[in-house]
Structures are given as C-alpha cells and as structure tokens.
C-alpha atoms as a PDB file:
ATOM      1  CA  MET A   1      -2.907  25.334  18.193  1.00  0.00           C
ATOM      2  CA  ALA A   2      -1.286  21.977  18.749  1.00  0.00           C
ATOM      3  CA  ASP A   3      -1.270  21.026  15.060  1.00  0.00           C
ATOM      4  CA  SER A   4      -0.557  23.449  12.242  1.00  0.00           C
ATOM      5  CA  LEU A   5      -1.824  22.963   8.722  1.00  0.00           C
ATOM      6  CA  PRO A   6       0.619  21.618   6.127  1.00  0.00           C
ATOM      7  CA  SER A   7       1.785  24.101   3.479  1.00  0.00           C
ATOM      8  CA  HIS A   8       1.945  21.580   0.626  1.00  0.00           C
ATOM      9  CA  ILE A   9       0.332  18.346  -0.507  1.00  0.00           C
ATOM     10  CA  GLN A  10       2.270  15.275  -1.607  1.00  0.00           C
ATOM     11  CA  LEU A  11       0.524  14.362  -4.882  1.00  0.00           C
ATOM     12  CA  GLU A  12       0.823  10.912  -6.417  1.00  0.00           C
ATOM     13  CA  ILE A  13      -0.954   9.922  -9.626  1.00  0.00           C
ATOM     14  CA  VAL A  14      -0.572   6.289 -10.612  1.00  0.00           C
ATOM     15  CA  THR A  15      -1.897   4.133 -13.462  1.00  0.00           C
ATOM     16  CA  PRO A  16      -1.480   0.356 -13.805  1.00  0.00           C
ATOM     17  CA  ASP A  17       1.494   1.077 -16.109  1.00  0.00           C
ATOM     18  CA  ARG A  18       3.384   3.922 -14.458  1.00  0.00           C
ATOM     19  CA  GLN A  19       3.672   6.602 -11.834  1.00  0.00           C
ATOM     20  CA  VAL A  20       2.698   9.810 -13.645  1.00  0.00           C
ATOM     21  CA  VAL A  21       3.150  12.376 -10.863  1.00  0.00           C
ATOM     22  CA  HIS A  22       5.040  12.323  -7.553  1.00  0.00           C
ATOM     23  CA  ASP A  23       5.423  15.930  -6.425  1.00  0.00           C
ATOM     24  CA  LEU A  24       4.822  18.496  -3.685  1.00  0.00           C
ATOM     25  CA  VAL A  25       2.032  20.830  -4.802  1.00  0.00           C
ATOM     26  CA  GLU A  26       0.005  23.753  -3.447  1.00  0.00           C
ATOM     27  CA  SER A  27      -3.432  22.603  -4.651  1.00  0.00           C
ATOM     28  CA  VAL A  28      -5.187  19.880  -6.647  1.00  0.00           C
ATOM     29  CA  THR A  29      -8.519  19.771  -8.475  1.00  0.00           C
ATOM     30  CA  ILE A  30      -9.900  16.318  -9.215  1.00  0.00           C
ATOM     31  CA  PRO A  31     -12.932  15.057 -11.196  1.00  0.00           C
ATOM     32  CA  GLY A  32     -15.004  13.434  -8.459  1.00  0.00           C
ATOM     33  CA  LYS A  33     -17.964  11.274  -9.408  1.00  0.00           C
ATOM     34  CA  GLY A  34     -20.366  14.025  -8.282  1.00  0.00           C
ATOM     35  CA  GLY A  35     -18.331  16.972  -9.620  1.00  0.00           C
ATOM     36  CA  TYR A  36     -14.922  18.568  -9.349  1.00  0.00           C
ATOM     37  CA  LEU A  37     -13.260  18.723  -5.921  1.00  0.00           C
ATOM     38  CA  GLY A  38     -10.720  21.383  -4.934  1.00  0.00           C
ATOM     39  CA  ILE A  39      -8.097  20.127  -2.498  1.00  0.00           C
ATOM     40  CA  LEU A  40      -5.830  22.383  -0.423  1.00  0.00           C
ATOM     41  CA  PRO A  41      -3.291  21.467   2.275  1.00  0.00           C
ATOM     42  CA  GLY A  42      -5.095  20.407   5.453  1.00  0.00           C
ATOM     43  CA  HIS A  43      -8.165  19.062   3.615  1.00  0.00           C
ATOM     44  CA  ALA A  44     -10.355  16.680   5.576  1.00  0.00           C
ATOM     45  CA  PRO A  45      -9.734  13.011   4.764  1.00  0.00           C
ATOM     46  CA  LEU A  46     -11.971  11.500   2.095  1.00  0.00           C
ATOM     47  CA  LEU A  47     -12.193   8.759  -0.502  1.00  0.00           C
ATOM     48  CA  SER A  48     -13.789   9.490  -3.858  1.00  0.00           C
ATOM     49  CA  GLU A  49     -14.532   7.615  -7.013  1.00  0.00           C
ATOM     50  CA  LEU A  50     -13.268   9.612  -9.990  1.00  0.00           C
ATOM     51  CA  ARG A  51     -14.862  10.054 -13.366  1.00  0.00           C
ATOM     52  CA  THR A  52     -13.127  10.814 -16.620  1.00  0.00           C
ATOM     53  CA  GLY A  53     -11.938  14.425 -16.649  1.00  0.00           C
ATOM     54  CA  GLU A  54      -9.043  16.717 -15.858  1.00  0.00           C
ATOM     55  CA  VAL A  55      -6.735  16.809 -12.871  1.00  0.00           C
ATOM     56  CA  VAL A  56      -5.243  20.248 -12.349  1.00  0.00           C
ATOM     57  CA  TYR A  57      -2.514  20.884  -9.830  1.00  0.00           C
ATOM     58  CA  SER A  58      -0.486  23.940  -8.941  1.00  0.00           C
ATOM     59  CA  ARG A  59       3.239  23.753  -8.221  1.00  0.00           C
ATOM     60  CA  ASP A  60       5.372  26.843  -7.659  1.00  0.00           C
ATOM     61  CA  GLY A  61       2.503  28.986  -8.916  1.00  0.00           C
ATOM     62  CA  THR A  62       2.250  27.121 -12.251  1.00  0.00           C
ATOM     63  CA  LYS A  63      -0.782  25.036 -13.191  1.00  0.00           C
ATOM     64  CA  HIS A  64      -0.289  21.563 -14.635  1.00  0.00           C
ATOM     65  CA  TYR A  65      -3.015  19.634 -16.473  1.00  0.00           C
ATOM     66  CA  LEU A  66      -3.661  15.930 -16.938  1.00  0.00           C
ATOM     67  CA  ALA A  67      -6.457  14.003 -18.621  1.00  0.00           C
ATOM     68  CA  VAL A  68      -7.516  10.992 -16.539  1.00  0.00           C
ATOM     69  CA  SER A  69     -10.075   8.241 -16.877  1.00  0.00           C
ATOM     70  CA  TRP A  70     -11.952   6.435 -14.163  1.00  0.00           C
ATOM     71  CA  GLY A  71     -10.364   5.652 -10.806  1.00  0.00           C
ATOM     72  CA  PHE A  72     -10.209   6.565  -7.127  1.00  0.00           C
ATOM     73  CA  ALA A  73      -8.635   9.263  -4.971  1.00  0.00           C
ATOM     74  CA  GLU A  74      -7.610   9.163  -1.337  1.00  0.00           C
ATOM     75  CA  VAL A  75      -7.306  12.611   0.213  1.00  0.00           C
ATOM     76  CA  LEU A  76      -5.457  13.174   3.483  1.00  0.00           C
ATOM     77  CA  PRO A  77      -4.461  16.526   5.018  1.00  0.00           C
ATOM     78  CA  SER A  78      -0.967  16.406   3.492  1.00  0.00           C
ATOM     79  CA  ARG A  79      -1.269  13.781   0.734  1.00  0.00           C
ATOM     80  CA  VAL A  80      -3.456  12.930  -2.259  1.00  0.00           C
ATOM     81  CA  ILE A  81      -3.137   9.563  -3.975  1.00  0.00           C
ATOM     82  CA  ILE A  82      -4.933   9.165  -7.298  1.00  0.00           C
ATOM     83  CA  LEU A  83      -5.256   5.711  -8.870  1.00  0.00           C
ATOM     84  CA  VAL A  84      -6.669   5.851 -12.406  1.00  0.00           C
ATOM     85  CA  GLN A  85      -6.962   3.645 -15.471  1.00  0.00           C
ATOM     86  CA  THR A  86      -5.190   6.204 -17.658  1.00  0.00           C
ATOM     87  CA  ALA A  87      -3.458   9.525 -17.088  1.00  0.00           C
ATOM     88  CA  GLU A  88      -1.778  11.737 -19.670  1.00  0.00           C
ATOM     89  CA  ARG A  89       0.094  14.940 -19.011  1.00  0.00           C
ATOM     90  CA  ALA A  90      -1.158  17.720 -21.282  1.00  0.00           C
ATOM     91  CA  GLU A  91       2.215  17.959 -23.031  1.00  0.00           C
ATOM     92  CA  GLU A  92       1.989  14.251 -23.964  1.00  0.00           C
ATOM     93  CA  ILE A  93      -1.304  14.725 -25.822  1.00  0.00           C
ATOM     94  CA  ASP A  94      -1.330  15.048 -29.610  1.00  0.00           C
ATOM     95  CA  LEU A  95      -3.880  17.839 -30.124  1.00  0.00           C
ATOM     96  CA  ALA A  96      -4.808  16.855 -33.702  1.00  0.00           C
ATOM     97  CA  ARG A  97      -5.287  13.209 -32.749  1.00  0.00           C
ATOM     98  CA  ALA A  98      -7.417  14.187 -29.730  1.00  0.00           C
ATOM     99  CA  ALA A  99      -9.598  16.409 -31.944  1.00  0.00           C
ATOM    100  CA  ARG A 100     -10.136  13.524 -34.401  1.00  0.00           C
ATOM    101  CA  ALA A 101     -11.052  11.194 -31.527  1.00  0.00           C
ATOM    102  CA  LEU A 102     -13.614  13.736 -30.291  1.00  0.00           C
ATOM    103  CA  GLU A 103     -15.148  13.966 -33.786  1.00  0.00           C
ATOM    104  CA  ARG A 104     -15.399  10.157 -34.010  1.00  0.00           C
ATOM    105  CA  ALA A 105     -16.995   9.987 -30.562  1.00  0.00           C
ATOM    106  CA  GLU A 106     -19.523  12.683 -31.482  1.00  0.00           C
ATOM    107  CA  GLU A 107     -20.458  10.726 -34.620  1.00  0.00           C
ATOM    108  CA  ARG A 108     -20.980   7.547 -32.581  1.00  0.00           C
ATOM    109  CA  LEU A 109     -23.222   9.435 -30.154  1.00  0.00           C
ATOM    110  CA  LYS A 110     -25.410  10.519 -33.081  1.00  0.00           C
ATOM    111  CA  GLU A 111     -25.888   6.855 -34.085  1.00  0.00           C
ATOM    112  CA  PHE A 112     -27.829   5.702 -31.007  1.00  0.00           C
ATOM    113  CA  THR A 113     -30.538   4.270 -33.258  1.00  0.00           C
ATOM    114  CA  ASP A 114     -27.985   1.715 -34.484  1.00  0.00           C
ATOM    115  CA  PRO A 115     -28.261  -1.363 -32.198  1.00  0.00           C
ATOM    116  CA  THR A 116     -24.592  -2.208 -32.800  1.00  0.00           C
ATOM    117  CA  ILE A 117     -23.511   1.000 -31.003  1.00  0.00           C
ATOM    118  CA  ASP A 118     -22.865   0.570 -27.274  1.00  0.00           C
ATOM    119  CA  ALA A 119     -24.213   3.845 -25.859  1.00  0.00           C
ATOM    120  CA  GLU A 120     -22.211   3.708 -22.616  1.00  0.00           C
ATOM    121  CA  ARG A 121     -18.922   3.041 -24.415  1.00  0.00           C
ATOM    122  CA  ALA A 122     -19.702   5.874 -26.842  1.00  0.00           C
ATOM    123  CA  ARG A 123     -20.319   8.315 -23.965  1.00  0.00           C
ATOM    124  CA  GLU A 124     -17.109   7.232 -22.208  1.00  0.00           C
ATOM    125  CA  ALA A 125     -15.099   7.653 -25.432  1.00  0.00           C
ATOM    126  CA  TYR A 126     -16.582  11.131 -25.830  1.00  0.00           C
ATOM    127  CA  GLN A 127     -15.720  12.118 -22.228  1.00  0.00           C
ATOM    128  CA  ARG A 128     -12.172  10.758 -22.581  1.00  0.00           C
ATOM    129  CA  ALA A 129     -11.577  12.601 -25.870  1.00  0.00           C
ATOM    130  CA  LEU A 130     -13.030  15.824 -24.450  1.00  0.00           C
ATOM    131  CA  ALA A 131     -10.847  15.652 -21.313  1.00  0.00           C
ATOM    132  CA  ARG A 132      -7.719  15.043 -23.413  1.00  0.00           C
ATOM    133  CA  LEU A 133      -8.524  17.965 -25.713  1.00  0.00           C
ATOM    134  CA  GLN A 134      -9.314  20.347 -22.840  1.00  0.00           C
ATOM    135  CA  ALA A 135      -6.161  19.464 -20.919  1.00  0.00           C
ATOM    136  CA  ALA A 136      -3.978  19.937 -24.001  1.00  0.00           C
ATOM    137  CA  ARG A 137      -5.592  23.261 -24.898  1.00  0.00           C
ATOM    138  CA  ARG A 138      -5.430  24.684 -21.366  1.00  0.00           C
ATOM    139  CA  SER A 139      -1.736  23.966 -21.093  1.00  0.00           C
ATOM    140  CA  GLY A 140      -1.030  25.559 -24.462  1.00  0.00           C
ATOM    141  CA  SER A 141       0.241  22.292 -25.982  1.00  0.00           C
END
C-alpha cells in the first residue's frame, strides 16, 4: 500500500473562550446531530453538526470525558477539530451543581402548559445538564 493508516488522531476541542483539548489520541466519540459517531485513525473525511452531549476520547488506554454543547466537527484521517459553544472536562464539573441543574430543567419541562416557558430552551437546558452529569459520573468525579 502506498499510504498507511495513521496510528493516532490529533484532537482539538475549542470554545470561543479557550482551547480545551490539544492531544494525540487513539479514538474519539462525538455527539453528531443524528447520533454518536465513533472516530478512529484513518476515518474518512466528514463535517458534522454536533448536538449537546458527551465527547469521549481515549489516550494511552484511558478514557476522558467532556460535556459539550452545540457546535461542529471536522474529521480528517489524522485530525479531528471540534468547535463548540461550551466544553467542560468531567473533572471540572461540580456533580452536586449539575444534579440541581438537571432537577430544575426537569421541572421546567413539566411546565409546558405555562406560556412563559420556552420549550426549546427548556429542552436544551435539560440536555446540557444531563450531559454534564453523565460526563462527571462516568469519569468518577
């Protein structure tokens, strides 16, 4: 074969405020608009809109978790660039605060009969709180 597959992926996760991850990794799982996408070295190029959810990547055999909200991902055979509104490493998440945010979001979702409740914002708040809680719990934070 003329070209061999790369053994790692250069992963970059960036928000408007900071670069959250810049690392060589073995695999990445991202929350694509239509469902989660697993990315390995040599993946076919693609662009994807991202929804709120978890990014999971593996480095040196250890999984790392982040909660992200809406953005885009560019996937190339040896590089993944993720641009998102927010990204939090699991160890940065306050578990008690995330649990309270999930409870508040669930209460808002129950109040859809109230015309002052914006249903779309309530669903997004719920998804964001759920992603933060799941990422923190999976990492053992």
